[in-house]
Amino acid sequence: MQTETGAPRGRRAGAGRPKTGKPNPIDVHVGSRVRLRRTLLGMSQEKLGEAIGLTFQQVQKYERGANRIGASRLFDLSRVLDVPVSFFFDDMPADAAAARVEDDDEAGASDERSASAYEPDPMAKRETLELVRAYYKISDPSVRKRLFELTKAVASAAVAEAAE
């Protein structure tokens, strides 16, 4: 059922997602933390969805930040993923934290500068997760340490080269 403005009943016209259609950087960060933890546990989107009563497509939307995660759902996720709720907000970049959140009483556009400047956390990338998993599969601690030192040296050289 709709109101006279054409908005679905229970929602005010203009409330919710900004007019740009872009996900809020906070929602993107929280979703990336859900993906990070799920992946570190080796859990599929399907298994996570089953555990909290959702389809894997809904989990995908949460992880991309396309759908905002409500408080009760965030609580469920924290229990299933065995982390405190605060985990989902840890390491949030300052620009994401500063992004204006549209609340139900506002109909204005979001702060474009904050939303467009947001860069996803490199720790939430699949490549990073696969690298960490592979690293910890190396059973010999001395080999792991040498690989770690090699990686730091290569990164340091790359930074020095870029500065020239």
C-alpha atoms as a PDB file:
ATOM      1  CA  MET A   1       0.000   0.000   0.000  1.00  0.00           C
ATOM      2  CA  GLN A   2       1.240   3.515  -0.811  1.00  0.00           C
ATOM      3  CA  THR A   3       0.849   6.978   0.655  1.00  0.00           C
ATOM      4  CA  GLU A   4      -0.363   9.953  -1.359  1.00  0.00           C
ATOM      5  CA  THR A   5       3.263  10.743  -2.272  1.00  0.00           C
ATOM      6  CA  GLY A   6       3.667   7.326  -3.887  1.00  0.00           C
ATOM      7  CA  ALA A   7       6.112   6.119  -1.221  1.00  0.00           C
ATOM      8  CA  PRO A   8       5.457   2.709   0.319  1.00  0.00           C
ATOM      9  CA  ARG A   9       3.439   2.954   3.514  1.00  0.00           C
ATOM     10  CA  GLY A  10       5.669   3.177   6.579  1.00  0.00           C
ATOM     11  CA  ARG A  11       8.354   5.107   4.692  1.00  0.00           C
ATOM     12  CA  ARG A  12       8.511   8.794   4.060  1.00  0.00           C
ATOM     13  CA  ALA A  13       9.204  10.069   0.574  1.00  0.00           C
ATOM     14  CA  GLY A  14      12.930  10.746   0.206  1.00  0.00           C
ATOM     15  CA  ALA A  15      13.928   8.740   3.278  1.00  0.00           C
ATOM     16  CA  GLY A  16      16.553   6.010   3.174  1.00  0.00           C
ATOM     17  CA  ARG A  17      19.102   5.739   0.372  1.00  0.00           C
ATOM     18  CA  PRO A  18      20.551   9.021  -0.880  1.00  0.00           C
ATOM     19  CA  LYS A  19      19.340  10.209  -4.293  1.00  0.00           C
ATOM     20  CA  THR A  20      22.685   9.214  -5.815  1.00  0.00           C
ATOM     21  CA  GLY A  21      21.813   5.529  -5.341  1.00  0.00           C
ATOM     22  CA  LYS A  22      25.331   4.924  -4.013  1.00  0.00           C
ATOM     23  CA  PRO A  23      25.692   2.902  -0.813  1.00  0.00           C
ATOM     24  CA  ASN A  24      26.610   4.861   2.292  1.00  0.00           C
ATOM     25  CA  PRO A  25      30.319   4.391   3.118  1.00  0.00           C
ATOM     26  CA  ILE A  26      29.419   3.207   6.618  1.00  0.00           C
ATOM     27  CA  ASP A  27      27.178   0.476   5.178  1.00  0.00           C
ATOM     28  CA  VAL A  28      29.971  -0.517   2.783  1.00  0.00           C
ATOM     29  CA  HIS A  29      32.466  -0.726   5.666  1.00  0.00           C
ATOM     30  CA  VAL A  30      30.142  -2.774   7.885  1.00  0.00           C
ATOM     31  CA  GLY A  31      29.396  -5.096   4.954  1.00  0.00           C
ATOM     32  CA  SER A  32      33.091  -5.527   4.219  1.00  0.00           C
ATOM     33  CA  ARG A  33      33.682  -6.482   7.851  1.00  0.00           C
ATOM     34  CA  VAL A  34      30.888  -9.086   7.598  1.00  0.00           C
ATOM     35  CA  ARG A  35      32.592 -10.486   4.465  1.00  0.00           C
ATOM     36  CA  LEU A  36      36.012 -10.392   6.157  1.00  0.00           C
ATOM     37  CA  ARG A  37      34.862 -12.378   9.180  1.00  0.00           C
ATOM     38  CA  ARG A  38      32.764 -14.813   7.149  1.00  0.00           C
ATOM     39  CA  THR A  39      35.696 -15.495   4.829  1.00  0.00           C
ATOM     40  CA  LEU A  40      38.178 -15.876   7.681  1.00  0.00           C
ATOM     41  CA  LEU A  41      35.861 -18.502   9.159  1.00  0.00           C
ATOM     42  CA  GLY A  42      35.681 -20.258   5.775  1.00  0.00           C
ATOM     43  CA  MET A  43      31.907 -19.838   5.733  1.00  0.00           C
ATOM     44  CA  SER A  44      29.963 -19.471   2.488  1.00  0.00           C
ATOM     45  CA  GLN A  45      27.368 -16.757   1.932  1.00  0.00           C
ATOM     46  CA  GLU A  46      24.800 -19.526   1.711  1.00  0.00           C
ATOM     47  CA  LYS A  47      25.748 -20.978   5.120  1.00  0.00           C
ATOM     48  CA  LEU A  48      25.709 -17.526   6.721  1.00  0.00           C
ATOM     49  CA  GLY A  49      22.333 -16.825   5.169  1.00  0.00           C
ATOM     50  CA  GLU A  50      20.919 -20.100   6.487  1.00  0.00           C
ATOM     51  CA  ALA A  51      22.206 -19.322   9.978  1.00  0.00           C
ATOM     52  CA  ILE A  52      20.408 -15.966  10.111  1.00  0.00           C
ATOM     53  CA  GLY A  53      17.374 -16.809   7.972  1.00  0.00           C
ATOM     54  CA  LEU A  54      18.361 -15.047   4.732  1.00  0.00           C
ATOM     55  CA  THR A  55      19.158 -16.023   1.161  1.00  0.00           C
ATOM     56  CA  PHE A  56      22.732 -15.795  -0.055  1.00  0.00           C
ATOM     57  CA  GLN A  57      21.628 -12.940  -2.340  1.00  0.00           C
ATOM     58  CA  GLN A  58      20.573 -10.922   0.713  1.00  0.00           C
ATOM     59  CA  VAL A  59      23.935 -11.658   2.335  1.00  0.00           C
ATOM     60  CA  GLN A  60      25.635 -10.435  -0.869  1.00  0.00           C
ATOM     61  CA  LYS A  61      23.700  -7.162  -0.699  1.00  0.00           C
ATOM     62  CA  TYR A  62      24.694  -6.670   2.942  1.00  0.00           C
ATOM     63  CA  GLU A  63      28.345  -7.373   2.143  1.00  0.00           C
ATOM     64  CA  ARG A  64      28.355  -4.849  -0.720  1.00  0.00           C
ATOM     65  CA  GLY A  65      26.621  -2.234   1.414  1.00  0.00           C
ATOM     66  CA  ALA A  66      23.686  -2.153  -1.016  1.00  0.00           C
ATOM     67  CA  ASN A  67      21.328  -2.984   1.882  1.00  0.00           C
ATOM     68  CA  ARG A  68      21.714  -1.411   5.306  1.00  0.00           C
ATOM     69  CA  ILE A  69      22.003  -3.910   8.169  1.00  0.00           C
ATOM     70  CA  GLY A  70      19.563  -3.240  11.005  1.00  0.00           C
ATOM     71  CA  ALA A  71      20.506  -3.488  14.665  1.00  0.00           C
ATOM     72  CA  SER A  72      18.819  -6.838  15.322  1.00  0.00           C
ATOM     73  CA  ARG A  73      20.374  -8.357  12.200  1.00  0.00           C
ATOM     74  CA  LEU A  74      23.800  -6.992  13.182  1.00  0.00           C
ATOM     75  CA  PHE A  75      23.345  -8.627  16.585  1.00  0.00           C
ATOM     76  CA  ASP A  76      22.470 -11.952  14.892  1.00  0.00           C
ATOM     77  CA  LEU A  77      25.530 -11.634  12.635  1.00  0.00           C
ATOM     78  CA  SER A  78      27.766 -10.984  15.634  1.00  0.00           C
ATOM     79  CA  ARG A  79      26.552 -14.177  17.303  1.00  0.00           C
ATOM     80  CA  VAL A  80      26.859 -16.366  14.202  1.00  0.00           C
ATOM     81  CA  LEU A  81      30.275 -14.928  13.278  1.00  0.00           C
ATOM     82  CA  ASP A  82      31.403 -15.031  16.932  1.00  0.00           C
ATOM     83  CA  VAL A  83      32.536 -11.401  17.200  1.00  0.00           C
ATOM     84  CA  PRO A  84      31.299  -8.437  19.239  1.00  0.00           C
ATOM     85  CA  VAL A  85      29.024  -5.983  17.400  1.00  0.00           C
ATOM     86  CA  SER A  86      31.831  -3.416  17.637  1.00  0.00           C
ATOM     87  CA  PHE A  87      33.912  -5.613  15.292  1.00  0.00           C
ATOM     88  CA  PHE A  88      31.815  -4.414  12.354  1.00  0.00           C
ATOM     89  CA  PHE A  89      32.832  -0.802  13.034  1.00  0.00           C
ATOM     90  CA  ASP A  90      36.513  -1.425  13.826  1.00  0.00           C
ATOM     91  CA  ASP A  91      39.114   0.177  11.559  1.00  0.00           C
ATOM     92  CA  MET A  92      36.537   2.414   9.897  1.00  0.00           C
ATOM     93  CA  PRO A  93      38.279   5.059   7.777  1.00  0.00           C
ATOM     94  CA  ALA A  94      37.735   8.625   8.969  1.00  0.00           C
ATOM     95  CA  ASP A  95      36.008   9.614   5.725  1.00  0.00           C
ATOM     96  CA  ALA A  96      33.471   6.793   6.112  1.00  0.00           C
ATOM     97  CA  ALA A  97      32.843   7.685   9.746  1.00  0.00           C
ATOM     98  CA  ALA A  98      32.292  11.322   8.731  1.00  0.00           C
ATOM     99  CA  ALA A  99      29.766  10.405   6.021  1.00  0.00           C
ATOM    100  CA  ARG A 100      26.337  11.785   6.699  1.00  0.00           C
ATOM    101  CA  VAL A 101      23.719   9.141   7.331  1.00  0.00           C
ATOM    102  CA  GLU A 102      20.275   9.827   5.919  1.00  0.00           C
ATOM    103  CA  ASP A 103      17.739   9.380   8.676  1.00  0.00           C
ATOM    104  CA  ASP A 104      13.982   9.065   8.334  1.00  0.00           C
ATOM    105  CA  ASP A 105      13.374  12.779   8.937  1.00  0.00           C
ATOM    106  CA  GLU A 106      15.617  14.008   6.129  1.00  0.00           C
ATOM    107  CA  ALA A 107      15.014  14.100   2.393  1.00  0.00           C
ATOM    108  CA  GLY A 108      18.206  15.892   1.284  1.00  0.00           C
ATOM    109  CA  ALA A 109      21.078  14.528  -0.754  1.00  0.00           C
ATOM    110  CA  SER A 110      24.017  12.913   1.000  1.00  0.00           C
ATOM    111  CA  ASP A 111      27.429  14.481   1.461  1.00  0.00           C
ATOM    112  CA  GLU A 112      28.852  13.659  -1.974  1.00  0.00           C
ATOM    113  CA  ARG A 113      32.427  14.462  -0.982  1.00  0.00           C
ATOM    114  CA  SER A 114      32.482  11.862   1.803  1.00  0.00           C
ATOM    115  CA  ALA A 115      30.719   9.147  -0.178  1.00  0.00           C
ATOM    116  CA  SER A 116      32.822   9.505  -3.313  1.00  0.00           C
ATOM    117  CA  ALA A 117      36.129   9.753  -1.430  1.00  0.00           C
ATOM    118  CA  TYR A 118      35.578   6.467   0.416  1.00  0.00           C
ATOM    119  CA  GLU A 119      38.067   3.733  -0.445  1.00  0.00           C
ATOM    120  CA  PRO A 120      37.222   0.188   0.658  1.00  0.00           C
ATOM    121  CA  ASP A 121      39.527  -1.316   3.257  1.00  0.00           C
ATOM    122  CA  PRO A 122      42.308  -3.325   1.541  1.00  0.00           C
ATOM    123  CA  MET A 123      42.057  -5.827   4.396  1.00  0.00           C
ATOM    124  CA  ALA A 124      38.583  -6.765   3.175  1.00  0.00           C
ATOM    125  CA  LYS A 125      39.708  -7.670  -0.352  1.00  0.00           C
ATOM    126  CA  ARG A 126      39.559 -11.312  -1.373  1.00  0.00           C
ATOM    127  CA  GLU A 127      43.192 -11.161  -2.533  1.00  0.00           C
ATOM    128  CA  THR A 128      44.301 -10.088   0.947  1.00  0.00           C
ATOM    129  CA  LEU A 129      42.293 -12.822   2.628  1.00  0.00           C
ATOM    130  CA  GLU A 130      43.667 -15.486   0.286  1.00  0.00           C
ATOM    131  CA  LEU A 131      47.202 -14.226   0.876  1.00  0.00           C
ATOM    132  CA  VAL A 132      46.781 -14.396   4.661  1.00  0.00           C
ATOM    133  CA  ARG A 133      45.269 -17.876   4.474  1.00  0.00           C
ATOM    134  CA  ALA A 134      48.095 -19.117   2.247  1.00  0.00           C
ATOM    135  CA  TYR A 135      50.680 -17.516   4.544  1.00  0.00           C
ATOM    136  CA  TYR A 136      49.331 -19.328   7.596  1.00  0.00           C
ATOM    137  CA  LYS A 137      49.264 -22.646   5.731  1.00  0.00           C
ATOM    138  CA  ILE A 138      53.080 -22.514   5.740  1.00  0.00           C
ATOM    139  CA  SER A 139      53.835 -24.799   8.670  1.00  0.00           C
ATOM    140  CA  ASP A 140      57.508 -23.902   9.125  1.00  0.00           C
ATOM    141  CA  PRO A 141      57.743 -20.691  11.230  1.00  0.00           C
ATOM    142  CA  SER A 142      61.189 -19.830   9.852  1.00  0.00           C
ATOM    143  CA  VAL A 143      59.932 -20.018   6.253  1.00  0.00           C
ATOM    144  CA  ARG A 144      56.936 -17.876   7.199  1.00  0.00           C
ATOM    145  CA  LYS A 145      59.243 -15.317   8.820  1.00  0.00           C
ATOM    146  CA  ARG A 146      61.506 -15.188   5.734  1.00  0.00           C
ATOM    147  CA  LEU A 147      58.500 -14.702   3.474  1.00  0.00           C
ATOM    148  CA  PHE A 148      57.256 -11.935   5.765  1.00  0.00           C
ATOM    149  CA  GLU A 149      60.649 -10.174   5.657  1.00  0.00           C
ATOM    150  CA  LEU A 150      60.820 -10.576   1.863  1.00  0.00           C
ATOM    151  CA  THR A 151      57.357  -9.045   1.454  1.00  0.00           C
ATOM    152  CA  LYS A 152      58.278  -6.091   3.675  1.00  0.00           C
ATOM    153  CA  ALA A 153      61.494  -5.534   1.698  1.00  0.00           C
ATOM    154  CA  VAL A 154      59.665  -5.588  -1.659  1.00  0.00           C
ATOM    155  CA  ALA A 155      57.031  -3.160  -0.337  1.00  0.00           C
ATOM    156  CA  SER A 156      59.699  -0.851   1.064  1.00  0.00           C
ATOM    157  CA  ALA A 157      61.536  -0.849  -2.277  1.00  0.00           C
ATOM    158  CA  ALA A 158      58.283  -0.083  -4.114  1.00  0.00           C
ATOM    159  CA  VAL A 159      57.565   2.873  -1.807  1.00  0.00           C
ATOM    160  CA  ALA A 160      61.118   4.196  -2.249  1.00  0.00           C
ATOM    161  CA  GLU A 161      60.861   3.840  -6.033  1.00  0.00           C
ATOM    162  CA  ALA A 162      57.525   5.657  -6.118  1.00  0.00           C
ATOM    163  CA  ALA A 163      59.005   8.525  -4.061  1.00  0.00           C
ATOM    164  CA  GLU A 164      61.768   9.124  -6.643  1.00  0.00           C
END
